[in-house]
Amino acid sequence: MTSVVIALASAVCFALALVLAQVGLRHMPPLAGGAVSVPTATALFWLAAPFAIDVAAIDGGAVTIFAAVGLLFPAAVTVLTFAANRHMGPTVAGALGNLTPLFAVLGAFIVLGERPGLAQLGGLAVIVAGVFLLSWPSGASATSGWPLWALLLPLAAAAIRGAIQPAVKVGLALWPAPFAAGLVGYSVSSLVLLAVAARAGALGRVTRQGAVVFAGVGLCNGLAVLLLYIALNGGPVSLVSPLVATYPLFTLVLGAVAIRAAPLGPRAIAGVVLSVAGVMLLLAG
């Protein structure tokens, strides 16, 4: 039950980061935002490191895994999401990105031998369906002239987010230190993102207002990832990943409070009902 609560807390933090990012994007582009948010989270990890890491317990194999994860998440995912948003728009890209738990559960089955029961698989399917209803655009915006190959961008991002979860689980089996996993991964990601942003000229587009907001995004995302890793350290991927994927539910609530989002339509309400039902089915399994 502890892993359930922590996974849902991670979803809340991811949702808050998404709402703040919508505000930050009014002031600067996504890649510039990523070049601020990820290093901000990294700096906070390093500030807390002397109090949170047992140096005597460091495992070289785990550090290697965490560093490899950092090459992909959040660095590569941020770049892929940026490209997907540019070609397809954030709504379609975000909806397809919500396939993450499918890739995570498949990866956990292959790498870790996790075998979810029928109730868990049913809960996973219902959660994914609910999240799709919450995220997928309506009308012409769903097919607004983007090339077919662009589908690969958000799907690749979802596959990476799913694959890193069983990978982190393997690393945590060698060194059960979720904080260290976040520290190492974010440190590598910061270097990658800063290099990509500098090459693309995005650093010159950082603004004071945008930097403040994206620093908050980094704080929320960093905490969300840390909570995700803590949940993975104590629970199976097949339980943790679908619960974290319910963050669009919390985005709706936080968006309504923070940015006065539009009232829910019938499809969004159906998405909420399905997502909650999926969580209940998952926990019952």
Protein backbone atom coordinates (compact mmCIF):
# COMPACT_ATOMS: atom_id res chain seq x y z
CA MET A 1 0.00 0.00 0.00
CA THR A 2 2.94 2.35 0.64
CA SER A 3 4.04 2.01 -3.00
CA VAL A 4 0.50 2.85 -4.11
CA VAL A 5 0.44 6.10 -2.11
CA ILE A 6 3.93 7.09 -3.28
CA ALA A 7 3.10 6.30 -6.93
CA LEU A 8 -0.03 8.47 -6.74
CA ALA A 9 2.01 11.25 -5.10
CA SER A 10 4.41 10.99 -8.05
CA ALA A 11 1.45 11.38 -10.43
CA VAL A 12 0.36 14.53 -8.58
CA CYS A 13 3.85 16.02 -8.93
CA PHE A 14 3.99 15.17 -12.64
CA ALA A 15 0.60 16.83 -13.06
CA LEU A 16 1.70 19.98 -11.24
CA ALA A 17 4.82 20.14 -13.40
CA LEU A 18 2.67 19.90 -16.53
CA VAL A 19 0.38 22.72 -15.40
CA LEU A 20 3.36 24.93 -14.54
CA ALA A 21 4.95 24.12 -17.90
CA GLN A 22 1.84 25.40 -19.69
CA VAL A 23 2.42 28.72 -17.93
CA GLY A 24 6.15 28.70 -18.66
CA LEU A 25 5.64 28.04 -22.37
CA ARG A 26 4.02 31.45 -22.63
CA HIS A 27 7.45 32.94 -22.02
CA MET A 28 9.90 30.62 -23.81
CA PRO A 29 10.01 27.49 -26.01
CA PRO A 30 10.06 23.89 -24.71
CA LEU A 31 13.74 23.14 -25.33
CA ALA A 32 14.80 26.29 -23.50
CA GLY A 33 12.45 25.30 -20.69
CA GLY A 34 14.01 21.84 -20.49
CA ALA A 35 17.46 23.40 -20.35
CA VAL A 36 16.32 25.23 -17.21
CA SER A 37 14.08 22.67 -15.50
CA VAL A 38 16.35 19.61 -15.66
CA PRO A 39 19.54 21.36 -14.42
CA THR A 40 17.48 22.99 -11.66
CA ALA A 41 16.35 19.60 -10.41
CA THR A 42 19.92 18.32 -10.73
CA ALA A 43 21.25 21.18 -8.61
CA LEU A 44 18.71 20.38 -5.89
CA PHE A 45 19.67 16.71 -5.99
CA TRP A 46 23.33 17.64 -5.49
CA LEU A 47 22.54 20.01 -2.63
CA ALA A 48 20.76 17.22 -0.79
CA ALA A 49 23.24 14.48 -1.77
CA PRO A 50 25.54 14.78 1.29
CA PHE A 51 22.56 14.05 3.53
CA ALA A 52 20.87 11.40 1.39
CA ILE A 53 23.57 9.11 -0.01
CA ASP A 54 25.61 6.50 1.84
CA VAL A 55 28.91 6.68 -0.03
CA ALA A 56 30.12 3.42 1.50
CA ALA A 57 27.20 1.56 -0.12
CA ILE A 58 27.83 2.76 -3.70
CA ASP A 59 27.57 -0.01 -6.29
CA GLY A 60 29.37 0.56 -9.61
CA GLY A 61 26.95 -1.57 -11.61
CA ALA A 62 23.96 0.35 -10.32
CA VAL A 63 25.63 3.69 -11.05
CA THR A 64 26.27 2.53 -14.63
CA ILE A 65 22.60 1.60 -15.05
CA PHE A 66 21.41 4.90 -13.55
CA ALA A 67 23.77 6.83 -15.85
CA ALA A 68 22.53 4.92 -18.90
CA VAL A 69 18.97 5.75 -17.85
CA GLY A 70 20.00 9.41 -17.60
CA LEU A 71 21.06 9.42 -21.25
CA LEU A 72 17.46 8.61 -22.15
CA PHE A 73 15.34 10.05 -19.34
CA PRO A 74 14.56 12.84 -19.05
CA ALA A 75 17.07 14.02 -21.71
CA ALA A 76 16.07 12.05 -24.83
CA VAL A 77 12.40 12.06 -23.81
CA THR A 78 12.47 15.85 -23.53
CA VAL A 79 13.99 16.23 -27.01
CA LEU A 80 11.56 13.71 -28.54
CA THR A 81 8.60 15.39 -26.87
CA PHE A 82 9.78 18.76 -28.12
CA ALA A 83 9.96 17.40 -31.68
CA ALA A 84 6.56 15.69 -31.34
CA ASN A 85 4.93 18.87 -30.07
CA ARG A 86 6.39 20.81 -32.99
CA HIS A 87 5.10 18.35 -35.63
CA MET A 88 1.82 17.16 -34.08
CA GLY A 89 0.84 19.61 -31.38
CA PRO A 90 1.01 18.95 -27.62
CA THR A 91 -2.41 17.30 -27.31
CA VAL A 92 -1.87 14.46 -29.79
CA ALA A 93 1.74 14.00 -28.68
CA GLY A 94 0.68 13.88 -25.04
CA ALA A 95 -2.09 11.36 -25.71
CA LEU A 96 0.24 8.96 -27.51
CA GLY A 97 2.84 9.46 -24.80
CA ASN A 98 0.39 7.99 -22.30
CA LEU A 99 1.14 4.52 -23.66
CA THR A 100 4.08 4.43 -21.25
CA PRO A 101 2.59 1.82 -18.85
CA LEU A 102 2.12 -0.67 -21.68
CA PHE A 103 5.82 -0.51 -22.51
CA ALA A 104 6.74 -0.57 -18.80
CA VAL A 105 4.69 -3.69 -18.04
CA LEU A 106 6.03 -5.43 -21.16
CA GLY A 107 9.59 -4.53 -20.17
CA ALA A 108 9.03 -5.75 -16.62
CA PHE A 109 7.73 -9.06 -17.98
CA ILE A 110 10.78 -9.51 -20.24
CA VAL A 111 13.49 -8.22 -17.89
CA LEU A 112 12.15 -8.92 -14.42
CA GLY A 113 9.78 -11.81 -15.03
CA GLU A 114 6.84 -9.92 -13.52
CA ARG A 115 3.58 -11.67 -14.45
CA PRO A 116 0.57 -9.46 -13.72
CA GLY A 117 -2.74 -11.21 -13.15
CA LEU A 118 -5.82 -10.84 -15.30
CA ALA A 119 -7.30 -8.21 -12.96
CA GLN A 120 -4.10 -6.15 -13.13
CA LEU A 121 -3.97 -6.40 -16.92
CA GLY A 122 -7.63 -5.38 -17.07
CA GLY A 123 -6.95 -2.42 -14.79
CA LEU A 124 -4.00 -1.39 -16.95
CA ALA A 125 -6.12 -1.52 -20.11
CA VAL A 126 -8.93 0.49 -18.53
CA ILE A 127 -6.51 3.12 -17.19
CA VAL A 128 -4.89 3.53 -20.62
CA ALA A 129 -8.34 3.84 -22.24
CA GLY A 130 -9.39 6.45 -19.69
CA VAL A 131 -6.22 8.46 -20.11
CA PHE A 132 -6.69 8.38 -23.89
CA LEU A 133 -10.17 9.82 -23.51
CA LEU A 134 -8.81 12.53 -21.25
CA SER A 135 -5.96 13.42 -23.59
CA TRP A 136 -7.00 12.79 -27.19
CA PRO A 137 -8.12 15.87 -29.14
CA SER A 138 -11.46 16.17 -30.89
CA GLY A 139 -12.45 17.30 -34.34
CA ALA A 140 -9.98 18.58 -36.89
CA SER A 141 -7.21 19.09 -34.34
CA ALA A 142 -6.76 15.32 -34.17
CA THR A 143 -5.62 15.10 -37.80
CA SER A 144 -4.26 18.50 -38.62
CA GLY A 145 -1.86 17.67 -41.41
CA TRP A 146 1.17 16.23 -39.61
CA PRO A 147 3.22 13.53 -41.40
CA LEU A 148 2.60 9.89 -40.55
CA TRP A 149 6.22 9.31 -39.50
CA ALA A 150 5.74 11.86 -36.71
CA LEU A 151 3.83 9.15 -34.82
CA LEU A 152 7.20 7.58 -34.08
CA LEU A 153 8.28 10.56 -31.96
CA PRO A 154 5.76 10.32 -29.08
CA LEU A 155 5.72 6.52 -29.32
CA ALA A 156 9.50 6.47 -28.93
CA ALA A 157 9.21 8.80 -25.94
CA ALA A 158 6.60 6.52 -24.37
CA ALA A 159 8.74 3.45 -25.06
CA ILE A 160 11.75 5.07 -23.39
CA ARG A 161 9.74 6.15 -20.35
CA GLY A 162 8.42 2.59 -20.09
CA ALA A 163 11.78 0.91 -20.61
CA ILE A 164 13.62 2.93 -17.99
CA GLN A 165 11.31 1.74 -15.22
CA PRO A 166 12.35 -1.94 -15.26
CA ALA A 167 15.93 -0.78 -15.89
CA VAL A 168 15.85 1.37 -12.75
CA LYS A 169 14.29 -1.57 -10.89
CA VAL A 170 17.33 -3.68 -11.88
CA GLY A 171 19.68 -0.94 -10.67
CA LEU A 172 17.80 -0.60 -7.40
CA ALA A 173 18.19 -4.34 -6.81
CA LEU A 174 21.97 -3.76 -6.86
CA TRP A 175 21.88 -0.56 -4.83
CA PRO A 176 18.51 0.22 -3.22
CA ALA A 177 19.03 3.98 -3.27
CA PRO A 178 16.25 5.80 -5.18
CA PHE A 179 17.80 9.19 -4.44
CA ALA A 180 21.10 8.10 -6.02
CA ALA A 181 19.19 6.87 -9.08
CA GLY A 182 17.65 10.31 -9.49
CA LEU A 183 20.92 12.13 -8.83
CA VAL A 184 22.97 10.16 -11.35
CA GLY A 185 20.25 10.09 -14.00
CA TYR A 186 19.50 13.80 -13.76
CA SER A 187 23.19 14.72 -13.78
CA VAL A 188 23.74 12.91 -17.07
CA SER A 189 20.51 14.29 -18.52
CA SER A 190 21.50 17.85 -17.63
CA LEU A 191 24.73 17.57 -19.59
CA VAL A 192 22.90 16.11 -22.60
CA LEU A 193 20.10 18.68 -22.57
CA LEU A 194 22.41 21.66 -22.13
CA ALA A 195 24.53 20.44 -25.05
CA VAL A 196 21.47 19.97 -27.28
CA ALA A 197 19.97 23.32 -26.25
CA ALA A 198 23.25 25.15 -26.86
CA ARG A 199 23.63 23.57 -30.30
CA ALA A 200 20.06 24.53 -31.20
CA GLY A 201 20.47 28.09 -29.95
CA ALA A 202 17.75 27.60 -27.35
CA LEU A 203 19.78 29.01 -24.44
CA GLY A 204 19.54 32.47 -25.96
CA ARG A 205 15.75 32.28 -25.69
CA VAL A 206 15.66 31.84 -21.92
CA THR A 207 13.74 34.67 -20.26
CA ARG A 208 13.64 35.69 -16.61
CA GLN A 209 9.93 34.97 -16.17
CA GLY A 210 10.14 31.68 -18.03
CA ALA A 211 13.21 30.58 -16.08
CA VAL A 212 11.42 31.12 -12.76
CA VAL A 213 8.44 29.03 -13.86
CA PHE A 214 10.55 26.26 -15.39
CA ALA A 215 12.67 26.11 -12.25
CA GLY A 216 9.40 25.23 -10.50
CA VAL A 217 8.73 22.65 -13.23
CA GLY A 218 12.14 21.14 -12.53
CA LEU A 219 11.44 20.97 -8.81
CA CYS A 220 8.11 19.19 -9.39
CA ASN A 221 9.47 16.80 -12.01
CA GLY A 222 12.52 15.99 -9.92
CA LEU A 223 10.34 15.17 -6.92
CA ALA A 224 8.00 13.16 -9.16
CA VAL A 225 10.89 11.06 -10.50
CA LEU A 226 12.30 10.54 -7.01
CA LEU A 227 8.90 9.35 -5.78
CA LEU A 228 8.57 7.11 -8.83
CA TYR A 229 11.91 5.49 -8.03
CA ILE A 230 10.98 5.07 -4.37
CA ALA A 231 7.73 3.39 -5.43
CA LEU A 232 9.62 1.11 -7.84
CA ASN A 233 12.04 0.21 -5.06
CA GLY A 234 9.14 -1.12 -3.01
CA GLY A 235 6.59 -2.32 -5.55
CA PRO A 236 6.28 -4.07 -8.93
CA VAL A 237 6.44 -2.13 -12.18
CA SER A 238 3.06 -3.55 -13.20
CA LEU A 239 1.47 -1.75 -10.22
CA VAL A 240 3.53 1.46 -10.03
CA SER A 241 3.62 2.43 -13.71
CA PRO A 242 -0.17 2.47 -14.35
CA LEU A 243 -0.76 4.45 -11.15
CA VAL A 244 1.80 7.10 -12.13
CA ALA A 245 0.18 7.23 -15.58
CA THR A 246 -3.02 8.59 -14.01
CA TYR A 247 -1.41 12.05 -13.78
CA PRO A 248 -3.89 13.50 -16.38
CA LEU A 249 -6.61 13.09 -13.73
CA PHE A 250 -4.69 15.35 -11.37
CA THR A 251 -3.81 17.68 -14.25
CA LEU A 252 -7.52 18.30 -14.79
CA VAL A 253 -8.03 19.24 -11.14
CA LEU A 254 -4.90 21.37 -10.85
CA GLY A 255 -5.56 22.99 -14.23
CA ALA A 256 -9.07 23.96 -13.18
CA VAL A 257 -7.70 25.59 -10.04
CA ALA A 258 -4.51 27.16 -11.38
CA ILE A 259 -5.31 28.20 -14.96
CA ARG A 260 -9.12 27.97 -14.99
CA ALA A 261 -9.29 25.29 -17.63
CA ALA A 262 -12.52 24.72 -19.54
CA PRO A 263 -15.28 22.62 -17.86
CA LEU A 264 -15.21 18.87 -18.46
CA GLY A 265 -17.10 17.57 -21.46
CA PRO A 266 -18.79 14.15 -21.70
CA ARG A 267 -15.70 12.45 -23.07
CA ALA A 268 -13.46 13.83 -20.32
CA ILE A 269 -15.96 12.71 -17.70
CA ALA A 270 -15.96 9.23 -19.24
CA GLY A 271 -12.15 9.32 -19.14
CA VAL A 272 -12.21 10.17 -15.44
CA VAL A 273 -14.66 7.36 -14.68
CA LEU A 274 -12.62 4.82 -16.66
CA SER A 275 -9.33 5.90 -15.09
CA VAL A 276 -10.70 5.65 -11.55
CA ALA A 277 -12.32 2.29 -12.34
CA GLY A 278 -9.01 1.07 -13.78
CA VAL A 279 -7.14 2.08 -10.63
CA MET A 280 -9.66 0.23 -8.48
CA LEU A 281 -9.41 -2.87 -10.67
CA LEU A 282 -5.61 -2.68 -10.59
CA LEU A 283 -5.51 -2.46 -6.81
CA ALA A 284 -8.07 -5.22 -6.44
CA GLY A 285 -5.81 -7.45 -8.54
